[in-house]
Amino acid sequence: MKRSNTQKLKDALEDDIINGRLMPGARLDPEELALKFGVSRTPIREAIQQLAVSGLVTVEPKKGTFVAKVGIEQLIEMFEVMAELESMCGRLAARRISAVELANLASALARCEEAIKQGDSDEYYYENEDFHNCIYRASHNAFLAEETRQLKQRLKPYRRMQLQVRQRMVNSMQEHREIYEAIESGNADRAEDRLRQHVLIQGERFSDFASSVKKFSLQAERAVEEAKG
């Protein structure tokens, strides 16, 4: 899936923030970013706007753009809501999906399989995103679909981060197959349950996710202490 300069820049900045190369409180200088990534001011402005929607940066008028602090409690709450919205989309899709929409969902599933073979977590994420968007559209509830997309956009950096955990891509792919089978067979209860479990962060996944976020927070705290010293 070809990505625009804005998307590539946003992904790079997300990775820098999530992995601690850009610490909370760090200022994003548009001119420095333009030189570093070899792009114009337009994709920088668009990328910063999208990062602000995700909650990774804050834009302060007349001061600039700064990396935000991540709160794991709020993230978990957002994932809980996301799981319920996705499960509703799955239930409705199992009842309402058309033949054309089912074919599109099967195609998205096949592209996810191909990204798995390539071992590319970013490519898998974007094909995964299309897979989920097919389900949103198939719910035939425009309001629900839009609310789900908006929250998914805010959680995007952390959903991408999850895919970097060992075996998560493979497990995610198996969950996609089960979701597809439930929707294809018209089993609304199973589609609802499979999507909820696919998105919820619990058990071992919670431990892995919490560990990643805590690691990020500790790196930030050390950077602050070093700056003071």
C-alpha atoms as a PDB file:
ATOM      1  CA  MET A   1       0.000   0.000   0.000  1.00  0.00           C
ATOM      2  CA  LYS A   2       1.593   3.267  -1.162  1.00  0.00           C
ATOM      3  CA  ARG A   3       1.787   5.919   1.545  1.00  0.00           C
ATOM      4  CA  SER A   4       1.931   9.683   1.095  1.00  0.00           C
ATOM      5  CA  ASN A   5       4.769  11.891   2.370  1.00  0.00           C
ATOM      6  CA  THR A   6       2.467  13.023   5.172  1.00  0.00           C
ATOM      7  CA  GLN A   7       1.764   9.422   6.201  1.00  0.00           C
ATOM      8  CA  LYS A   8       5.439   8.430   6.070  1.00  0.00           C
ATOM      9  CA  LEU A   9       6.423  11.476   8.119  1.00  0.00           C
ATOM     10  CA  LYS A  10       3.693  10.853  10.677  1.00  0.00           C
ATOM     11  CA  ASP A  11       4.708   7.197  11.010  1.00  0.00           C
ATOM     12  CA  ALA A  12       8.358   8.188  11.523  1.00  0.00           C
ATOM     13  CA  LEU A  13       7.451  10.740  14.202  1.00  0.00           C
ATOM     14  CA  GLU A  14       5.131   8.236  15.893  1.00  0.00           C
ATOM     15  CA  ASP A  15       7.958   5.720  16.049  1.00  0.00           C
ATOM     16  CA  ASP A  16      10.338   8.328  17.488  1.00  0.00           C
ATOM     17  CA  ILE A  17       7.819   9.285  20.172  1.00  0.00           C
ATOM     18  CA  ILE A  18       6.721   5.752  21.073  1.00  0.00           C
ATOM     19  CA  ASN A  19      10.306   4.471  21.213  1.00  0.00           C
ATOM     20  CA  GLY A  20      11.584   7.380  23.301  1.00  0.00           C
ATOM     21  CA  ARG A  21      13.725   9.124  20.707  1.00  0.00           C
ATOM     22  CA  LEU A  22      11.445  12.160  21.100  1.00  0.00           C
ATOM     23  CA  MET A  23      10.695  12.737  24.767  1.00  0.00           C
ATOM     24  CA  PRO A  24       7.617  14.317  26.398  1.00  0.00           C
ATOM     25  CA  GLY A  25       8.020  18.068  26.363  1.00  0.00           C
ATOM     26  CA  ALA A  26      10.310  18.044  23.318  1.00  0.00           C
ATOM     27  CA  ARG A  27       9.447  20.751  20.786  1.00  0.00           C
ATOM     28  CA  LEU A  28       8.885  19.780  17.153  1.00  0.00           C
ATOM     29  CA  ASP A  29      10.548  22.385  14.965  1.00  0.00           C
ATOM     30  CA  PRO A  30       8.978  22.454  11.452  1.00  0.00           C
ATOM     31  CA  GLU A  31      12.183  23.746   9.840  1.00  0.00           C
ATOM     32  CA  GLU A  32      14.308  21.025  11.415  1.00  0.00           C
ATOM     33  CA  LEU A  33      11.782  18.375  10.372  1.00  0.00           C
ATOM     34  CA  ALA A  34      11.762  19.721   6.797  1.00  0.00           C
ATOM     35  CA  LEU A  35      15.553  19.363   6.620  1.00  0.00           C
ATOM     36  CA  LYS A  36      15.651  15.971   8.324  1.00  0.00           C
ATOM     37  CA  PHE A  37      12.962  14.333   6.171  1.00  0.00           C
ATOM     38  CA  GLY A  38      13.452  16.320   2.973  1.00  0.00           C
ATOM     39  CA  VAL A  39       9.835  17.443   2.679  1.00  0.00           C
ATOM     40  CA  SER A  40       7.985  20.733   2.378  1.00  0.00           C
ATOM     41  CA  ARG A  41       6.094  22.474   5.175  1.00  0.00           C
ATOM     42  CA  THR A  42       2.705  21.166   3.958  1.00  0.00           C
ATOM     43  CA  PRO A  43       3.169  17.467   4.896  1.00  0.00           C
ATOM     44  CA  ILE A  44       4.784  18.572   8.164  1.00  0.00           C
ATOM     45  CA  ARG A  45       1.752  20.665   9.044  1.00  0.00           C
ATOM     46  CA  GLU A  46      -0.626  17.838   8.082  1.00  0.00           C
ATOM     47  CA  ALA A  47       1.379  15.242  10.022  1.00  0.00           C
ATOM     48  CA  ILE A  48       1.400  17.415  13.152  1.00  0.00           C
ATOM     49  CA  GLN A  49      -2.366  17.887  12.881  1.00  0.00           C
ATOM     50  CA  GLN A  50      -2.838  14.107  12.743  1.00  0.00           C
ATOM     51  CA  LEU A  51      -0.459  13.535  15.654  1.00  0.00           C
ATOM     52  CA  ALA A  52      -2.462  16.059  17.678  1.00  0.00           C
ATOM     53  CA  VAL A  53      -5.649  14.084  16.961  1.00  0.00           C
ATOM     54  CA  SER A  54      -3.878  10.947  18.239  1.00  0.00           C
ATOM     55  CA  GLY A  55      -2.916  12.813  21.420  1.00  0.00           C
ATOM     56  CA  LEU A  56       0.820  12.305  20.863  1.00  0.00           C
ATOM     57  CA  VAL A  57       1.536  16.023  20.585  1.00  0.00           C
ATOM     58  CA  THR A  58      -0.016  19.204  21.872  1.00  0.00           C
ATOM     59  CA  VAL A  59      -0.136  22.413  19.856  1.00  0.00           C
ATOM     60  CA  GLU A  60       0.226  25.559  21.936  1.00  0.00           C
ATOM     61  CA  PRO A  61      -0.635  28.811  20.108  1.00  0.00           C
ATOM     62  CA  LYS A  62       2.385  31.136  19.670  1.00  0.00           C
ATOM     63  CA  LYS A  63       4.633  28.598  21.438  1.00  0.00           C
ATOM     64  CA  GLY A  64       4.805  25.598  19.147  1.00  0.00           C
ATOM     65  CA  THR A  65       4.165  21.853  19.063  1.00  0.00           C
ATOM     66  CA  PHE A  66       5.347  19.632  21.914  1.00  0.00           C
ATOM     67  CA  VAL A  67       5.425  15.882  22.547  1.00  0.00           C
ATOM     68  CA  ALA A  68       2.654  14.986  25.002  1.00  0.00           C
ATOM     69  CA  LYS A  69       2.871  12.766  28.075  1.00  0.00           C
ATOM     70  CA  VAL A  70       1.207   9.347  27.722  1.00  0.00           C
ATOM     71  CA  GLY A  71      -1.142   8.088  30.433  1.00  0.00           C
ATOM     72  CA  ILE A  72      -1.613   4.303  30.391  1.00  0.00           C
ATOM     73  CA  GLU A  73      -4.885   4.440  32.366  1.00  0.00           C
ATOM     74  CA  GLN A  74      -6.520   6.639  29.751  1.00  0.00           C
ATOM     75  CA  LEU A  75      -5.165   4.453  26.946  1.00  0.00           C
ATOM     76  CA  ILE A  76      -6.682   1.332  28.501  1.00  0.00           C
ATOM     77  CA  GLU A  77     -10.034   3.102  28.879  1.00  0.00           C
ATOM     78  CA  MET A  78      -9.916   4.136  25.230  1.00  0.00           C
ATOM     79  CA  PHE A  79      -9.149   0.558  24.144  1.00  0.00           C
ATOM     80  CA  GLU A  80     -12.132  -0.667  26.188  1.00  0.00           C
ATOM     81  CA  VAL A  81     -14.455   1.730  24.364  1.00  0.00           C
ATOM     82  CA  MET A  82     -12.832   0.832  21.033  1.00  0.00           C
ATOM     83  CA  ALA A  83     -13.507  -2.861  21.668  1.00  0.00           C
ATOM     84  CA  GLU A  84     -17.207  -2.176  22.220  1.00  0.00           C
ATOM     85  CA  LEU A  85     -17.518   0.002  19.111  1.00  0.00           C
ATOM     86  CA  GLU A  86     -15.735  -2.592  16.964  1.00  0.00           C
ATOM     87  CA  SER A  87     -17.888  -5.390  18.343  1.00  0.00           C
ATOM     88  CA  MET A  88     -21.054  -3.451  17.443  1.00  0.00           C
ATOM     89  CA  CYS A  89     -19.734  -2.973  13.899  1.00  0.00           C
ATOM     90  CA  GLY A  90     -19.041  -6.704  13.668  1.00  0.00           C
ATOM     91  CA  ARG A  91     -22.509  -7.684  14.867  1.00  0.00           C
ATOM     92  CA  LEU A  92     -24.208  -5.396  12.352  1.00  0.00           C
ATOM     93  CA  ALA A  93     -21.864  -6.396   9.534  1.00  0.00           C
ATOM     94  CA  ALA A  94     -22.656 -10.087  10.050  1.00  0.00           C
ATOM     95  CA  ARG A  95     -26.332  -9.256   9.552  1.00  0.00           C
ATOM     96  CA  ARG A  96     -26.075  -6.614   6.815  1.00  0.00           C
ATOM     97  CA  ILE A  97     -22.976  -7.224   4.691  1.00  0.00           C
ATOM     98  CA  SER A  98     -23.565  -7.417   0.927  1.00  0.00           C
ATOM     99  CA  ALA A  99     -21.920  -9.844  -1.493  1.00  0.00           C
ATOM    100  CA  VAL A 100     -19.667  -7.074  -2.840  1.00  0.00           C
ATOM    101  CA  GLU A 101     -18.678  -5.957   0.672  1.00  0.00           C
ATOM    102  CA  LEU A 102     -17.906  -9.554   1.649  1.00  0.00           C
ATOM    103  CA  ALA A 103     -15.658  -9.872  -1.409  1.00  0.00           C
ATOM    104  CA  ASN A 104     -13.868  -6.650  -0.393  1.00  0.00           C
ATOM    105  CA  LEU A 105     -13.393  -8.019   3.119  1.00  0.00           C
ATOM    106  CA  ALA A 106     -11.938 -11.259   1.712  1.00  0.00           C
ATOM    107  CA  SER A 107      -9.548  -9.216  -0.456  1.00  0.00           C
ATOM    108  CA  ALA A 108      -8.414  -7.162   2.557  1.00  0.00           C
ATOM    109  CA  LEU A 109      -7.843 -10.391   4.488  1.00  0.00           C
ATOM    110  CA  ALA A 110      -5.673 -11.745   1.646  1.00  0.00           C
ATOM    111  CA  ARG A 111      -3.561  -8.564   1.642  1.00  0.00           C
ATOM    112  CA  CYS A 112      -3.049  -8.938   5.401  1.00  0.00           C
ATOM    113  CA  GLU A 113      -1.797 -12.476   4.731  1.00  0.00           C
ATOM    114  CA  GLU A 114       0.683 -11.156   2.174  1.00  0.00           C
ATOM    115  CA  ALA A 115       2.013  -8.517   4.597  1.00  0.00           C
ATOM    116  CA  ILE A 116       2.523 -11.271   7.189  1.00  0.00           C
ATOM    117  CA  LYS A 117       4.621 -13.239   4.692  1.00  0.00           C
ATOM    118  CA  GLN A 118       6.770 -10.142   4.145  1.00  0.00           C
ATOM    119  CA  GLY A 119       7.180  -9.657   7.898  1.00  0.00           C
ATOM    120  CA  ASP A 120       6.363  -5.952   7.538  1.00  0.00           C
ATOM    121  CA  SER A 121       4.472  -4.754  10.638  1.00  0.00           C
ATOM    122  CA  ASP A 122       3.748  -1.311   9.187  1.00  0.00           C
ATOM    123  CA  GLU A 123       2.394  -2.742   5.934  1.00  0.00           C
ATOM    124  CA  TYR A 124       0.345  -5.217   7.936  1.00  0.00           C
ATOM    125  CA  TYR A 125      -1.061  -2.373  10.033  1.00  0.00           C
ATOM    126  CA  TYR A 126      -2.364  -0.505   6.980  1.00  0.00           C
ATOM    127  CA  GLU A 127      -3.852  -3.606   5.389  1.00  0.00           C
ATOM    128  CA  ASN A 128      -5.322  -4.413   8.807  1.00  0.00           C
ATOM    129  CA  GLU A 129      -6.797  -0.917   8.870  1.00  0.00           C
ATOM    130  CA  ASP A 130      -8.512  -1.548   5.535  1.00  0.00           C
ATOM    131  CA  PHE A 131      -9.846  -4.867   6.834  1.00  0.00           C
ATOM    132  CA  HIS A 132     -11.481  -3.079   9.758  1.00  0.00           C
ATOM    133  CA  ASN A 133     -12.778  -0.266   7.539  1.00  0.00           C
ATOM    134  CA  CYS A 134     -14.536  -2.873   5.389  1.00  0.00           C
ATOM    135  CA  ILE A 135     -16.352  -4.064   8.507  1.00  0.00           C
ATOM    136  CA  TYR A 136     -17.310  -0.516   9.503  1.00  0.00           C
ATOM    137  CA  ARG A 137     -18.816   0.118   6.069  1.00  0.00           C
ATOM    138  CA  ALA A 138     -20.619  -3.220   6.107  1.00  0.00           C
ATOM    139  CA  SER A 139     -22.350  -2.257   9.379  1.00  0.00           C
ATOM    140  CA  HIS A 140     -24.438   0.184   7.305  1.00  0.00           C
ATOM    141  CA  ASN A 141     -24.540   2.525  10.280  1.00  0.00           C
ATOM    142  CA  ALA A 142     -22.728   5.697   9.206  1.00  0.00           C
ATOM    143  CA  PHE A 143     -22.762   7.275  12.663  1.00  0.00           C
ATOM    144  CA  LEU A 144     -21.274   4.195  14.341  1.00  0.00           C
ATOM    145  CA  ALA A 145     -18.668   3.834  11.575  1.00  0.00           C
ATOM    146  CA  GLU A 146     -17.519   7.453  11.916  1.00  0.00           C
ATOM    147  CA  GLU A 147     -17.270   7.316  15.717  1.00  0.00           C
ATOM    148  CA  THR A 148     -15.261   4.098  15.472  1.00  0.00           C
ATOM    149  CA  ARG A 149     -12.876   5.566  12.882  1.00  0.00           C
ATOM    150  CA  GLN A 150     -12.261   8.674  14.985  1.00  0.00           C
ATOM    151  CA  LEU A 151     -11.310   6.696  18.081  1.00  0.00           C
ATOM    152  CA  LYS A 152      -9.225   4.272  16.023  1.00  0.00           C
ATOM    153  CA  GLN A 153      -7.265   7.254  14.661  1.00  0.00           C
ATOM    154  CA  ARG A 154      -6.432   8.363  18.201  1.00  0.00           C
ATOM    155  CA  LEU A 155      -5.232   4.875  19.097  1.00  0.00           C
ATOM    156  CA  LYS A 156      -3.335   4.233  15.866  1.00  0.00           C
ATOM    157  CA  PRO A 157       0.201   4.741  17.263  1.00  0.00           C
ATOM    158  CA  TYR A 158      -0.423   2.246  20.053  1.00  0.00           C
ATOM    159  CA  ARG A 159      -2.086  -0.310  17.796  1.00  0.00           C
ATOM    160  CA  ARG A 160       0.975  -0.090  15.554  1.00  0.00           C
ATOM    161  CA  MET A 161       3.206  -0.468  18.611  1.00  0.00           C
ATOM    162  CA  GLN A 162       1.380  -3.659  19.616  1.00  0.00           C
ATOM    163  CA  LEU A 163       2.173  -5.248  16.263  1.00  0.00           C
ATOM    164  CA  GLN A 164       5.895  -4.959  17.017  1.00  0.00           C
ATOM    165  CA  VAL A 165       5.507  -7.346  19.971  1.00  0.00           C
ATOM    166  CA  ARG A 166       6.769 -10.834  19.108  1.00  0.00           C
ATOM    167  CA  GLN A 167       4.089 -13.089  17.545  1.00  0.00           C
ATOM    168  CA  ARG A 168       1.406 -10.369  17.739  1.00  0.00           C
ATOM    169  CA  MET A 169       1.133 -10.082  13.948  1.00  0.00           C
ATOM    170  CA  VAL A 170       0.666 -13.826  13.592  1.00  0.00           C
ATOM    171  CA  ASN A 171      -1.945 -13.923  16.364  1.00  0.00           C
ATOM    172  CA  SER A 172      -3.710 -10.886  14.926  1.00  0.00           C
ATOM    173  CA  MET A 173      -3.924 -12.605  11.549  1.00  0.00           C
ATOM    174  CA  GLN A 174      -5.541 -15.689  13.081  1.00  0.00           C
ATOM    175  CA  GLU A 175      -8.060 -13.440  14.835  1.00  0.00           C
ATOM    176  CA  HIS A 176      -8.816 -11.792  11.470  1.00  0.00           C
ATOM    177  CA  ARG A 177      -9.583 -15.193   9.947  1.00  0.00           C
ATOM    178  CA  GLU A 178     -12.002 -15.985  12.768  1.00  0.00           C
ATOM    179  CA  ILE A 179     -13.686 -12.578  12.391  1.00  0.00           C
ATOM    180  CA  TYR A 180     -14.056 -13.090   8.642  1.00  0.00           C
ATOM    181  CA  GLU A 181     -15.510 -16.570   9.086  1.00  0.00           C
ATOM    182  CA  ALA A 182     -18.048 -15.313  11.630  1.00  0.00           C
ATOM    183  CA  ILE A 183     -19.183 -12.478   9.354  1.00  0.00           C
ATOM    184  CA  GLU A 184     -19.244 -14.703   6.264  1.00  0.00           C
ATOM    185  CA  SER A 185     -21.462 -17.238   8.055  1.00  0.00           C
ATOM    186  CA  GLY A 186     -23.768 -14.508   9.391  1.00  0.00           C
ATOM    187  CA  ASN A 187     -23.011 -15.426  13.014  1.00  0.00           C
ATOM    188  CA  ALA A 188     -23.596 -12.021  14.643  1.00  0.00           C
ATOM    189  CA  ASP A 189     -22.871 -13.181  18.208  1.00  0.00           C
ATOM    190  CA  ARG A 190     -19.533 -14.723  17.245  1.00  0.00           C
ATOM    191  CA  ALA A 191     -18.527 -11.752  15.087  1.00  0.00           C
ATOM    192  CA  GLU A 192     -19.296  -9.430  17.991  1.00  0.00           C
ATOM    193  CA  ASP A 193     -17.267 -11.529  20.450  1.00  0.00           C
ATOM    194  CA  ARG A 194     -14.288 -12.080  18.107  1.00  0.00           C
ATOM    195  CA  LEU A 195     -13.937  -8.369  17.368  1.00  0.00           C
ATOM    196  CA  ARG A 196     -14.216  -7.428  21.021  1.00  0.00           C
ATOM    197  CA  GLN A 197     -11.476  -9.883  21.993  1.00  0.00           C
ATOM    198  CA  HIS A 198      -9.362  -8.767  19.022  1.00  0.00           C
ATOM    199  CA  VAL A 199      -9.225  -5.170  20.277  1.00  0.00           C
ATOM    200  CA  LEU A 200      -9.296  -5.579  24.075  1.00  0.00           C
ATOM    201  CA  ILE A 201      -5.951  -5.366  25.852  1.00  0.00           C
ATOM    202  CA  GLN A 202      -6.063  -8.023  28.536  1.00  0.00           C
ATOM    203  CA  GLY A 203      -4.063 -10.904  29.974  1.00  0.00           C
ATOM    204  CA  GLU A 204      -0.611 -11.273  28.435  1.00  0.00           C
ATOM    205  CA  ARG A 205      -1.364  -8.573  25.879  1.00  0.00           C
ATOM    206  CA  PHE A 206      -2.034  -6.127  28.707  1.00  0.00           C
ATOM    207  CA  SER A 207       1.307  -7.006  30.316  1.00  0.00           C
ATOM    208  CA  ASP A 208       3.179  -6.526  27.037  1.00  0.00           C
ATOM    209  CA  PHE A 209       1.401  -3.256  26.305  1.00  0.00           C
ATOM    210  CA  ALA A 210       1.909  -1.882  29.821  1.00  0.00           C
ATOM    211  CA  SER A 211       5.577  -2.835  29.686  1.00  0.00           C
ATOM    212  CA  SER A 212       6.071  -0.942  26.418  1.00  0.00           C
ATOM    213  CA  VAL A 213       4.342   2.200  27.693  1.00  0.00           C
ATOM    214  CA  LYS A 214       6.177   2.083  31.036  1.00  0.00           C
ATOM    215  CA  LYS A 215       9.486   1.717  29.228  1.00  0.00           C
ATOM    216  CA  PHE A 216       8.622   4.830  27.245  1.00  0.00           C
ATOM    217  CA  SER A 217       7.698   6.711  30.446  1.00  0.00           C
ATOM    218  CA  LEU A 218      10.927   5.710  32.224  1.00  0.00           C
ATOM    219  CA  GLN A 219      13.009   6.865  29.275  1.00  0.00           C
ATOM    220  CA  ALA A 220      11.224  10.205  29.425  1.00  0.00           C
ATOM    221  CA  GLU A 221      11.797  10.564  33.174  1.00  0.00           C
ATOM    222  CA  ARG A 222      15.509   9.800  32.797  1.00  0.00           C
ATOM    223  CA  ALA A 223      15.803  12.364  30.020  1.00  0.00           C
ATOM    224  CA  VAL A 224      14.187  15.013  32.227  1.00  0.00           C
ATOM    225  CA  GLU A 225      16.522  14.191  35.139  1.00  0.00           C
ATOM    226  CA  GLU A 226      19.579  14.341  32.865  1.00  0.00           C
ATOM    227  CA  ALA A 227      18.436  17.716  31.529  1.00  0.00           C
ATOM    228  CA  LYS A 228      18.134  19.054  35.092  1.00  0.00           C
ATOM    229  CA  GLY A 229      21.550  17.656  36.052  1.00  0.00           C
END
